[in-house]
Amino acid sequence: MGEEIIIDGFSTNTGKMFSSIPVIQNYTIVLDNTIALLQQGRIVVGTKSFVCEPFQREKSIKFRVQRMYNGHQITVGEIKTLLQQGKVVIDTLDESGNRQNNELILLSKQCMKVSFT
């Protein structure tokens, strides 16, 4: 199975822009914005960030990870690693354009808080 690629620029019939991942199902390409399923909800890709959509409307889950950090575009694989292992190391750029390693850390799986260090 290949890498899941996010494509930006899709449009609904009403003109609202969205991002999605093309998936082949039974010789047909369908669009799916779901990255991962959790007990509380599902992680989806948006135009600017990955967010959690809770299964129950009355429950709010504050998971939000930007899709870009200091010149590094976060991949679907990196989000999955973050959710499974609690952290992921990403290659970013400092103010001078030099490469540096940073981490996205899942501080709490209960409230899904994420920190960038």
N, C-alpha and C. Protein backbone atom coordinates (compact mmCIF):
# COMPACT_ATOMS: atom_id res chain seq x y z
N MET A 1 0.85 -1.18 0.00
CA MET A 1 0.00 0.00 0.00
C MET A 1 0.89 1.24 0.00
N GLY A 2 0.53 2.23 -0.81
CA GLY A 2 1.34 3.43 -0.93
C GLY A 2 1.01 4.47 0.13
N GLU A 3 1.76 5.55 0.06
CA GLU A 3 1.57 6.67 1.00
C GLU A 3 0.26 7.38 0.69
N GLU A 4 -0.44 7.79 1.73
CA GLU A 4 -1.69 8.54 1.56
C GLU A 4 -1.33 10.01 1.34
N ILE A 5 -1.78 10.57 0.22
CA ILE A 5 -1.46 11.93 -0.16
C ILE A 5 -2.70 12.81 -0.01
N ILE A 6 -2.54 13.95 0.64
CA ILE A 6 -3.62 14.91 0.79
C ILE A 6 -3.62 15.83 -0.43
N ILE A 7 -4.77 16.00 -1.03
CA ILE A 7 -4.91 16.93 -2.15
C ILE A 7 -5.83 18.06 -1.72
N ASP A 8 -5.37 19.28 -1.93
CA ASP A 8 -6.14 20.47 -1.59
C ASP A 8 -6.87 20.98 -2.83
N GLY A 9 -7.92 21.77 -2.60
CA GLY A 9 -8.56 22.48 -3.70
C GLY A 9 -9.83 21.85 -4.23
N PHE A 10 -10.36 20.83 -3.56
CA PHE A 10 -11.66 20.30 -3.99
C PHE A 10 -12.74 21.31 -3.61
N SER A 11 -13.87 21.24 -4.28
CA SER A 11 -14.95 22.19 -4.02
C SER A 11 -16.29 21.45 -3.96
N THR A 12 -17.12 21.84 -2.98
CA THR A 12 -18.47 21.28 -2.90
C THR A 12 -19.35 21.97 -3.94
N ASN A 13 -20.58 21.49 -4.08
CA ASN A 13 -21.53 22.13 -5.01
C ASN A 13 -21.83 23.57 -4.62
N THR A 14 -21.68 23.89 -3.33
CA THR A 14 -21.94 25.26 -2.87
C THR A 14 -20.70 26.14 -2.93
N GLY A 15 -19.56 25.60 -3.40
CA GLY A 15 -18.35 26.39 -3.55
C GLY A 15 -17.40 26.35 -2.37
N LYS A 16 -17.72 25.59 -1.32
CA LYS A 16 -16.84 25.49 -0.15
C LYS A 16 -15.63 24.62 -0.50
N MET A 17 -14.43 25.13 -0.25
CA MET A 17 -13.19 24.40 -0.55
C MET A 17 -12.90 23.39 0.55
N PHE A 18 -12.33 22.24 0.18
CA PHE A 18 -11.92 21.25 1.16
C PHE A 18 -10.74 20.44 0.65
N SER A 19 -10.10 19.76 1.58
CA SER A 19 -8.96 18.88 1.27
C SER A 19 -9.40 17.45 1.52
N SER A 20 -8.81 16.52 0.80
CA SER A 20 -9.18 15.12 0.98
C SER A 20 -8.07 14.20 0.49
N ILE A 21 -8.26 12.92 0.72
CA ILE A 21 -7.31 11.89 0.30
C ILE A 21 -8.03 10.99 -0.70
N PRO A 22 -7.54 10.90 -1.94
CA PRO A 22 -8.16 9.97 -2.90
C PRO A 22 -7.83 8.52 -2.51
N VAL A 23 -8.85 7.67 -2.53
CA VAL A 23 -8.69 6.26 -2.16
C VAL A 23 -9.35 5.42 -3.26
N ILE A 24 -8.68 4.34 -3.64
CA ILE A 24 -9.25 3.44 -4.65
C ILE A 24 -10.07 2.37 -3.95
N GLN A 25 -11.35 2.27 -4.30
CA GLN A 25 -12.25 1.25 -3.76
C GLN A 25 -12.99 0.61 -4.93
N ASN A 26 -12.78 -0.68 -5.12
CA ASN A 26 -13.47 -1.41 -6.20
C ASN A 26 -13.33 -0.71 -7.55
N TYR A 27 -12.09 -0.38 -7.92
CA TYR A 27 -11.76 0.24 -9.20
C TYR A 27 -12.36 1.64 -9.37
N THR A 28 -12.76 2.27 -8.28
CA THR A 28 -13.30 3.62 -8.31
C THR A 28 -12.52 4.48 -7.33
N ILE A 29 -12.27 5.72 -7.70
CA ILE A 29 -11.59 6.64 -6.80
C ILE A 29 -12.65 7.40 -6.00
N VAL A 30 -12.55 7.32 -4.67
CA VAL A 30 -13.44 8.07 -3.78
C VAL A 30 -12.59 8.99 -2.92
N LEU A 31 -13.20 10.03 -2.37
CA LEU A 31 -12.49 10.96 -1.51
C LEU A 31 -12.82 10.65 -0.06
N ASP A 32 -11.78 10.61 0.78
CA ASP A 32 -11.97 10.32 2.20
C ASP A 32 -11.08 11.27 2.99
N ASN A 33 -11.66 12.02 3.91
CA ASN A 33 -10.84 12.94 4.71
C ASN A 33 -10.54 12.39 6.10
N THR A 34 -10.89 11.12 6.37
CA THR A 34 -10.64 10.50 7.67
C THR A 34 -9.21 9.98 7.73
N ILE A 35 -8.46 10.42 8.75
CA ILE A 35 -7.08 9.98 8.96
C ILE A 35 -7.04 8.79 9.90
N ALA A 36 -7.82 8.87 10.99
CA ALA A 36 -7.82 7.81 12.00
C ALA A 36 -9.14 7.81 12.75
N LEU A 37 -9.52 6.62 13.23
CA LEU A 37 -10.70 6.49 14.08
C LEU A 37 -10.26 6.28 15.52
N LEU A 38 -10.85 7.02 16.42
CA LEU A 38 -10.58 6.91 17.84
C LEU A 38 -11.87 6.55 18.55
N GLN A 39 -11.79 6.24 19.84
CA GLN A 39 -13.01 5.95 20.60
C GLN A 39 -13.91 7.16 20.66
N GLN A 40 -13.34 8.36 20.79
CA GLN A 40 -14.11 9.59 20.97
C GLN A 40 -14.62 10.18 19.65
N GLY A 41 -13.93 9.90 18.56
CA GLY A 41 -14.29 10.51 17.28
C GLY A 41 -13.32 10.12 16.20
N ARG A 42 -13.28 10.90 15.14
CA ARG A 42 -12.37 10.60 14.04
C ARG A 42 -11.51 11.82 13.75
N ILE A 43 -10.26 11.57 13.40
CA ILE A 43 -9.34 12.63 13.01
C ILE A 43 -9.50 12.83 11.51
N VAL A 44 -9.74 14.07 11.12
CA VAL A 44 -9.96 14.39 9.71
C VAL A 44 -8.98 15.48 9.27
N VAL A 45 -8.73 15.53 7.97
CA VAL A 45 -7.87 16.56 7.40
C VAL A 45 -8.75 17.72 6.96
N GLY A 46 -8.34 18.92 7.34
CA GLY A 46 -9.00 20.14 6.90
C GLY A 46 -8.06 20.91 5.98
N THR A 47 -8.47 22.06 5.55
CA THR A 47 -7.64 22.83 4.63
C THR A 47 -6.38 23.38 5.31
N LYS A 48 -6.44 23.63 6.65
CA LYS A 48 -5.28 24.18 7.35
C LYS A 48 -4.80 23.33 8.51
N SER A 49 -5.60 22.38 8.97
CA SER A 49 -5.21 21.59 10.14
C SER A 49 -5.91 20.24 10.16
N PHE A 50 -5.38 19.36 11.00
CA PHE A 50 -6.02 18.09 11.31
C PHE A 50 -6.83 18.31 12.58
N VAL A 51 -8.08 17.87 12.62
CA VAL A 51 -8.94 18.08 13.78
C VAL A 51 -9.68 16.80 14.10
N CYS A 52 -10.24 16.75 15.32
CA CYS A 52 -11.06 15.62 15.73
C CYS A 52 -12.53 16.02 15.64
N GLU A 53 -13.29 15.22 14.94
CA GLU A 53 -14.74 15.38 14.91
C GLU A 53 -15.31 14.33 15.86
N PRO A 54 -15.88 14.77 16.99
CA PRO A 54 -16.40 13.81 17.97
C PRO A 54 -17.62 13.07 17.44
N PHE A 55 -17.79 11.81 17.87
CA PHE A 55 -18.95 11.02 17.46
C PHE A 55 -20.23 11.55 18.11
N GLN A 56 -20.12 12.12 19.30
CA GLN A 56 -21.27 12.68 20.00
C GLN A 56 -21.15 14.19 19.99
N ARG A 57 -22.16 14.88 19.48
CA ARG A 57 -22.12 16.33 19.33
C ARG A 57 -21.87 17.08 20.63
N GLU A 58 -22.40 16.57 21.72
CA GLU A 58 -22.25 17.29 22.99
C GLU A 58 -20.85 17.19 23.58
N LYS A 59 -20.02 16.30 23.07
CA LYS A 59 -18.65 16.17 23.56
C LYS A 59 -17.71 16.94 22.65
N SER A 60 -16.88 17.77 23.24
CA SER A 60 -15.93 18.57 22.48
C SER A 60 -14.52 18.02 22.71
N ILE A 61 -13.81 17.76 21.63
CA ILE A 61 -12.43 17.27 21.71
C ILE A 61 -11.56 18.32 21.03
N LYS A 62 -10.56 18.82 21.73
CA LYS A 62 -9.78 19.96 21.26
C LYS A 62 -8.54 19.57 20.44
N PHE A 63 -8.56 18.46 19.74
CA PHE A 63 -7.41 18.05 18.93
C PHE A 63 -7.32 18.93 17.70
N ARG A 64 -6.21 19.64 17.56
CA ARG A 64 -5.96 20.44 16.36
C ARG A 64 -4.45 20.47 16.12
N VAL A 65 -4.03 19.99 14.97
CA VAL A 65 -2.63 20.03 14.57
C VAL A 65 -2.56 20.75 13.23
N GLN A 66 -1.79 21.82 13.19
CA GLN A 66 -1.61 22.56 11.94
C GLN A 66 -0.99 21.64 10.89
N ARG A 67 -1.28 21.90 9.63
CA ARG A 67 -0.71 21.08 8.57
C ARG A 67 0.70 21.53 8.20
N MET A 68 1.13 22.72 8.67
CA MET A 68 2.46 23.23 8.35
C MET A 68 3.11 23.79 9.61
N TYR A 69 4.33 23.33 9.91
CA TYR A 69 5.13 23.84 11.03
C TYR A 69 6.50 24.24 10.52
N ASN A 70 6.84 25.51 10.60
CA ASN A 70 8.17 26.01 10.23
C ASN A 70 8.69 25.41 8.93
N GLY A 71 7.87 25.44 7.90
CA GLY A 71 8.28 24.96 6.59
C GLY A 71 8.10 23.47 6.36
N HIS A 72 7.63 22.75 7.35
CA HIS A 72 7.42 21.30 7.21
C HIS A 72 5.93 21.01 7.10
N GLN A 73 5.53 20.36 6.00
CA GLN A 73 4.14 19.97 5.82
C GLN A 73 3.92 18.62 6.49
N ILE A 74 3.02 18.58 7.46
CA ILE A 74 2.74 17.35 8.22
C ILE A 74 2.04 16.35 7.31
N THR A 75 2.50 15.10 7.34
CA THR A 75 1.92 14.04 6.51
C THR A 75 0.90 13.23 7.29
N VAL A 76 0.12 12.46 6.57
CA VAL A 76 -0.83 11.54 7.19
C VAL A 76 -0.09 10.54 8.07
N GLY A 77 1.03 10.03 7.58
CA GLY A 77 1.83 9.09 8.36
C GLY A 77 2.33 9.68 9.67
N GLU A 78 2.72 10.94 9.65
CA GLU A 78 3.19 11.60 10.88
C GLU A 78 2.05 11.76 11.89
N ILE A 79 0.86 12.07 11.43
CA ILE A 79 -0.28 12.16 12.34
C ILE A 79 -0.58 10.79 12.94
N LYS A 80 -0.53 9.75 12.13
CA LYS A 80 -0.78 8.40 12.65
C LYS A 80 0.28 8.00 13.67
N THR A 81 1.55 8.34 13.42
CA THR A 81 2.63 8.06 14.38
C THR A 81 2.39 8.82 15.67
N LEU A 82 2.01 10.09 15.57
CA LEU A 82 1.71 10.90 16.75
C LEU A 82 0.62 10.24 17.60
N LEU A 83 -0.43 9.77 16.96
CA LEU A 83 -1.54 9.15 17.69
C LEU A 83 -1.16 7.81 18.30
N GLN A 84 -0.32 7.03 17.62
CA GLN A 84 0.07 5.71 18.10
C GLN A 84 1.17 5.77 19.15
N GLN A 85 2.19 6.60 18.92
CA GLN A 85 3.37 6.60 19.78
C GLN A 85 3.43 7.78 20.74
N GLY A 86 2.57 8.76 20.56
CA GLY A 86 2.55 9.90 21.46
C GLY A 86 3.48 11.04 21.07
N LYS A 87 4.34 10.81 20.08
CA LYS A 87 5.20 11.89 19.58
C LYS A 87 5.73 11.53 18.20
N VAL A 88 6.15 12.57 17.48
CA VAL A 88 6.76 12.38 16.17
C VAL A 88 7.79 13.49 15.97
N VAL A 89 8.96 13.12 15.44
CA VAL A 89 10.02 14.09 15.15
C VAL A 89 9.83 14.57 13.72
N ILE A 90 9.87 15.89 13.54
CA ILE A 90 9.73 16.46 12.20
C ILE A 90 10.91 17.37 11.89
N ASP A 91 11.26 17.44 10.62
CA ASP A 91 12.32 18.30 10.12
C ASP A 91 11.73 19.68 9.83
N THR A 92 12.21 20.72 10.50
CA THR A 92 11.69 22.07 10.27
C THR A 92 12.84 23.01 9.95
N LEU A 93 12.50 24.27 9.73
CA LEU A 93 13.51 25.30 9.44
C LEU A 93 13.45 26.36 10.52
N ASP A 94 14.63 26.88 10.91
CA ASP A 94 14.65 27.99 11.88
C ASP A 94 14.52 29.31 11.11
N GLU A 95 14.64 30.44 11.82
CA GLU A 95 14.47 31.75 11.21
C GLU A 95 15.46 32.02 10.09
N SER A 96 16.64 31.39 10.14
CA SER A 96 17.67 31.60 9.12
C SER A 96 17.59 30.60 7.98
N GLY A 97 16.62 29.69 8.04
CA GLY A 97 16.47 28.69 6.99
C GLY A 97 17.28 27.43 7.21
N ASN A 98 17.88 27.28 8.40
CA ASN A 98 18.65 26.08 8.72
C ASN A 98 17.72 24.97 9.20
N ARG A 99 18.05 23.75 8.82
CA ARG A 99 17.24 22.60 9.24
C ARG A 99 17.43 22.33 10.72
N GLN A 100 16.33 21.95 11.37
CA GLN A 100 16.39 21.54 12.77
C GLN A 100 15.30 20.50 13.01
N ASN A 101 15.49 19.68 14.04
CA ASN A 101 14.50 18.70 14.41
C ASN A 101 13.62 19.26 15.52
N ASN A 102 12.33 19.08 15.37
CA ASN A 102 11.37 19.44 16.39
C ASN A 102 10.47 18.24 16.63
N GLU A 103 9.68 18.31 17.70
CA GLU A 103 8.76 17.23 18.01
C GLU A 103 7.34 17.76 18.15
N LEU A 104 6.41 16.96 17.66
CA LEU A 104 5.01 17.12 18.02
C LEU A 104 4.75 16.09 19.09
N ILE A 105 4.21 16.50 20.22
CA ILE A 105 4.00 15.60 21.35
C ILE A 105 2.52 15.62 21.72
N LEU A 106 1.95 14.44 21.88
CA LEU A 106 0.58 14.30 22.35
C LEU A 106 0.64 14.29 23.87
N LEU A 107 0.27 15.41 24.49
CA LEU A 107 0.41 15.57 25.94
C LEU A 107 -0.56 14.71 26.72
N SER A 108 -1.77 14.55 26.19
CA SER A 108 -2.78 13.78 26.89
C SER A 108 -3.70 13.11 25.89
N LYS A 109 -3.83 11.80 25.96
CA LYS A 109 -4.73 11.10 25.05
C LYS A 109 -6.18 11.32 25.44
N GLN A 110 -6.44 11.69 26.69
CA GLN A 110 -7.81 11.91 27.14
C GLN A 110 -8.39 13.17 26.51
N CYS A 111 -7.63 14.27 26.60
CA CYS A 111 -8.17 15.54 26.05
C CYS A 111 -7.50 15.87 24.72
N MET A 112 -6.57 15.02 24.23
CA MET A 112 -5.95 15.14 22.92
C MET A 112 -5.20 16.45 22.71
N LYS A 113 -4.50 16.92 23.76
CA LYS A 113 -3.71 18.15 23.63
C LYS A 113 -2.37 17.83 22.99
N VAL A 114 -1.94 18.71 22.08
CA VAL A 114 -0.71 18.52 21.33
C VAL A 114 0.20 19.72 21.58
N SER A 115 1.52 19.44 21.70
CA SER A 115 2.51 20.50 21.88
C SER A 115 3.57 20.40 20.78
N PHE A 116 4.07 21.53 20.32
CA PHE A 116 5.15 21.60 19.34
C PHE A 116 6.38 22.13 20.04
N THR A 117 7.47 21.33 20.06
CA THR A 117 8.71 21.76 20.74
C THR A 117 9.88 21.71 19.78
